[in-house]
Amino acid sequence: MTRSQKKLKESFNAYGEVDVFPRYNIAPSQAVITIRHAACKAVRDLLAMRWGLLPSWAKDMSIGYKTLNAGAETVATTPSFREAFKSQRCLVIHAN
């Protein structure tokens, strides 16, 4: 995460401010800059989101460490990822 927010907003026509500091390594559970289509609006939001997935059925946050990465071949069928894959997508910025 080394690009300025101003540059990201211009590149993706996005709006918003995030309180995330530039860094070269991002670990699971840390905040990452993302772009997401704003609900009910014709704009994109620039926002910080936690890297990981907390399924709706999870009873505590520690399950998020087990659901960090989804395989492309199983993301649509694995119970942990299936519902989020259908309706909760975002673009995770990886730029240098």
Protein backbone atom coordinates (compact mmCIF):
# COMPACT_ATOMS: atom_id res chain seq x y z
CA MET A 1 0.00 0.00 0.00
CA THR A 2 2.27 2.69 -1.26
CA ARG A 3 0.09 4.74 -3.62
CA SER A 4 -1.47 7.94 -2.33
CA GLN A 5 -5.19 8.03 -1.71
CA LYS A 6 -5.45 10.92 -4.15
CA LYS A 7 -3.88 8.83 -6.93
CA LEU A 8 -6.12 5.84 -6.15
CA LYS A 9 -9.26 7.99 -6.19
CA GLU A 10 -8.28 9.46 -9.55
CA SER A 11 -7.38 6.06 -11.04
CA PHE A 12 -10.61 4.36 -9.98
CA ASN A 13 -13.00 7.33 -9.88
CA ALA A 14 -13.64 6.61 -6.21
CA TYR A 15 -14.64 8.70 -3.21
CA GLY A 16 -13.77 8.48 0.48
CA GLU A 17 -10.97 8.88 2.97
CA VAL A 18 -9.23 6.07 4.80
CA ASP A 19 -6.99 6.17 7.83
CA VAL A 20 -4.42 3.61 6.66
CA PHE A 21 -0.70 4.23 6.61
CA PRO A 22 1.55 3.29 3.65
CA ARG A 23 3.41 0.00 4.09
CA TYR A 24 5.02 -2.70 1.97
CA ASN A 25 3.76 -5.80 3.80
CA ILE A 26 0.17 -6.52 4.76
CA ALA A 27 -0.62 -9.35 7.14
CA PRO A 28 -3.90 -11.17 7.69
CA SER A 29 -6.38 -9.23 9.86
CA GLN A 30 -4.77 -5.87 9.01
CA ALA A 31 -6.65 -3.08 7.25
CA VAL A 32 -6.20 -2.86 3.48
CA ILE A 33 -7.39 -0.21 1.05
CA THR A 34 -10.27 -1.44 -1.10
CA ILE A 35 -12.61 -0.11 -3.75
CA ARG A 36 -16.25 -1.17 -3.67
CA HIS A 37 -19.30 -0.18 -5.64
CA ALA A 38 -21.38 1.99 -3.31
CA ALA A 39 -24.77 0.48 -2.54
CA CYS A 40 -27.63 2.33 -4.25
CA LYS A 41 -25.24 4.89 -5.79
CA ALA A 42 -23.45 5.17 -9.10
CA VAL A 43 -20.05 5.75 -7.48
CA ARG A 44 -17.18 3.70 -6.07
CA ASP A 45 -16.10 3.95 -2.44
CA LEU A 46 -12.48 3.97 -1.30
CA LEU A 47 -12.42 2.36 2.13
CA ALA A 48 -10.35 0.33 4.54
CA MET A 49 -11.38 -3.26 5.17
CA ARG A 50 -9.91 -6.04 7.29
CA TRP A 51 -8.10 -8.76 5.31
CA GLY A 52 -9.97 -11.97 6.00
CA LEU A 53 -13.53 -13.21 5.96
CA LEU A 54 -15.82 -13.55 8.92
CA PRO A 55 -18.64 -15.83 7.73
CA SER A 56 -22.14 -14.92 8.91
CA TRP A 57 -22.35 -18.16 10.87
CA ALA A 58 -19.09 -17.62 12.79
CA LYS A 59 -19.42 -17.37 16.56
CA ASP A 60 -16.13 -15.54 17.15
CA MET A 61 -13.61 -13.48 15.20
CA SER A 62 -10.84 -16.12 15.37
CA ILE A 63 -12.47 -18.03 12.49
CA GLY A 64 -11.26 -15.16 10.28
CA TYR A 65 -7.70 -16.50 10.48
CA LYS A 66 -8.85 -19.76 8.88
CA THR A 67 -10.71 -18.03 6.05
CA LEU A 68 -8.00 -15.82 4.58
CA ASN A 69 -7.68 -17.27 1.11
CA ALA A 70 -10.15 -18.93 -1.18
CA GLY A 71 -9.19 -21.19 -4.07
CA ALA A 72 -10.59 -20.03 -7.41
CA GLU A 73 -11.87 -23.53 -8.15
CA THR A 74 -13.84 -23.86 -4.88
CA VAL A 75 -14.79 -20.33 -3.79
CA ALA A 76 -18.34 -20.63 -5.16
CA THR A 77 -19.01 -23.95 -3.43
CA THR A 78 -17.13 -23.85 -0.10
CA PRO A 79 -19.59 -23.00 2.70
CA SER A 80 -17.24 -20.40 4.25
CA PHE A 81 -17.00 -18.35 1.04
CA ARG A 82 -20.11 -19.20 -0.99
CA GLU A 83 -22.50 -16.43 0.15
CA ALA A 84 -19.87 -13.68 0.31
CA PHE A 85 -18.66 -14.64 -3.18
CA LYS A 86 -22.16 -14.16 -4.57
CA SER A 87 -22.82 -10.68 -3.20
CA GLN A 88 -19.92 -9.07 -1.33
CA ARG A 89 -17.06 -8.35 -3.68
CA CYS A 90 -14.47 -5.60 -3.64
CA LEU A 91 -11.22 -4.70 -5.34
CA VAL A 92 -8.18 -5.02 -3.09
CA ILE A 93 -5.56 -2.54 -4.22
CA HIS A 94 -2.14 -3.99 -4.95
CA ALA A 95 -0.04 -1.32 -6.55
CA ASN A 96 3.60 -0.35 -6.46
